[in-house]
């Protein structure tokens, strides 16, 4: 299952959402139900809370650098 986020200018969001709906009308209902469950049952929020409390003191320099590079890449 793939799940992603779109970062765009606010005035583009509605058109992008419409495009997404138009190009995936026959998507996988199981994936949609799974994603809905993960987002509404609190498990994703708990995952993100653990992720944000990542203890950098437990890492060696190489692991810390790799982690920070991933964060930089995803946050711009």
Protein backbone atom coordinates (compact mmCIF):
# COMPACT_ATOMS: atom_id res chain seq x y z
CA UNK A 1 0.00 0.00 0.00
CA UNK A 2 1.24 3.46 -0.83
CA UNK A 3 0.28 6.61 0.97
CA UNK A 4 1.68 10.04 0.31
CA UNK A 5 1.22 13.69 0.95
CA UNK A 6 1.11 16.55 -1.50
CA UNK A 7 2.65 19.90 -0.72
CA UNK A 8 1.41 22.60 -3.05
CA UNK A 9 0.17 26.12 -3.19
CA UNK A 10 -3.22 26.38 -1.47
CA UNK A 11 -4.93 27.47 -4.69
CA UNK A 12 -3.80 24.22 -6.40
CA UNK A 13 -5.04 21.77 -3.75
CA UNK A 14 -8.66 21.46 -4.90
CA UNK A 15 -7.64 20.82 -8.52
CA UNK A 16 -5.03 18.26 -7.43
CA UNK A 17 -7.59 16.49 -5.24
CA UNK A 18 -10.03 16.39 -8.16
CA UNK A 19 -7.30 14.98 -10.42
CA UNK A 20 -6.46 12.31 -7.85
CA UNK A 21 -10.10 11.27 -7.57
CA UNK A 22 -10.55 11.22 -11.33
CA UNK A 23 -7.49 9.04 -11.90
CA UNK A 24 -8.16 6.51 -9.16
CA UNK A 25 -11.88 5.81 -9.33
CA UNK A 26 -11.24 2.08 -9.33
CA UNK A 27 -8.65 2.03 -6.56
CA UNK A 28 -8.27 -0.79 -4.10
CA UNK A 29 -11.05 -0.63 -1.46
CA UNK A 30 -9.00 -2.75 0.96
CA UNK A 31 -6.13 -0.23 0.84
CA UNK A 32 -8.57 2.63 1.37
CA UNK A 33 -10.15 0.88 4.36
CA UNK A 34 -6.74 0.05 5.86
CA UNK A 35 -5.53 3.62 5.47
CA UNK A 36 -8.76 4.96 6.97
CA UNK A 37 -8.34 2.65 9.95
CA UNK A 38 -4.72 3.62 10.56
CA UNK A 39 -5.53 7.31 10.40
CA UNK A 40 -8.62 7.13 12.62
CA UNK A 41 -7.69 4.54 15.27
CA UNK A 42 -4.80 6.58 16.68
CA UNK A 43 -2.00 4.22 15.67
CA UNK A 44 -0.53 6.66 13.15
CA UNK A 45 -0.60 9.45 15.73
CA UNK A 46 1.20 7.22 18.26
CA UNK A 47 3.77 6.30 15.62
CA UNK A 48 4.42 9.98 14.88
CA UNK A 49 4.72 10.81 18.58
CA UNK A 50 7.39 8.11 18.97
CA UNK A 51 9.12 9.33 15.83
CA UNK A 52 9.21 12.91 17.11
CA UNK A 53 10.71 11.76 20.44
CA UNK A 54 13.58 10.02 18.66
CA UNK A 55 16.48 9.90 21.12
CA UNK A 56 19.52 11.11 19.19
CA UNK A 57 21.81 10.36 22.16
CA UNK A 58 21.38 6.63 21.44
CA UNK A 59 22.83 6.92 17.91
CA UNK A 60 26.29 6.77 16.52
CA UNK A 61 27.30 9.65 14.24
CA UNK A 62 26.60 7.76 11.00
CA UNK A 63 23.07 6.76 12.07
CA UNK A 64 22.33 10.26 13.31
CA UNK A 65 23.51 11.78 10.02
CA UNK A 66 21.35 9.35 8.03
CA UNK A 67 18.31 10.15 10.19
CA UNK A 68 18.78 13.90 9.87
CA UNK A 69 19.23 13.58 6.12
CA UNK A 70 15.91 11.73 5.85
CA UNK A 71 14.19 14.40 7.96
CA UNK A 72 15.72 17.16 5.82
CA UNK A 73 14.66 15.45 2.61
CA UNK A 74 11.05 15.06 3.76
CA UNK A 75 10.65 18.44 5.37
CA UNK A 76 12.35 20.52 2.69
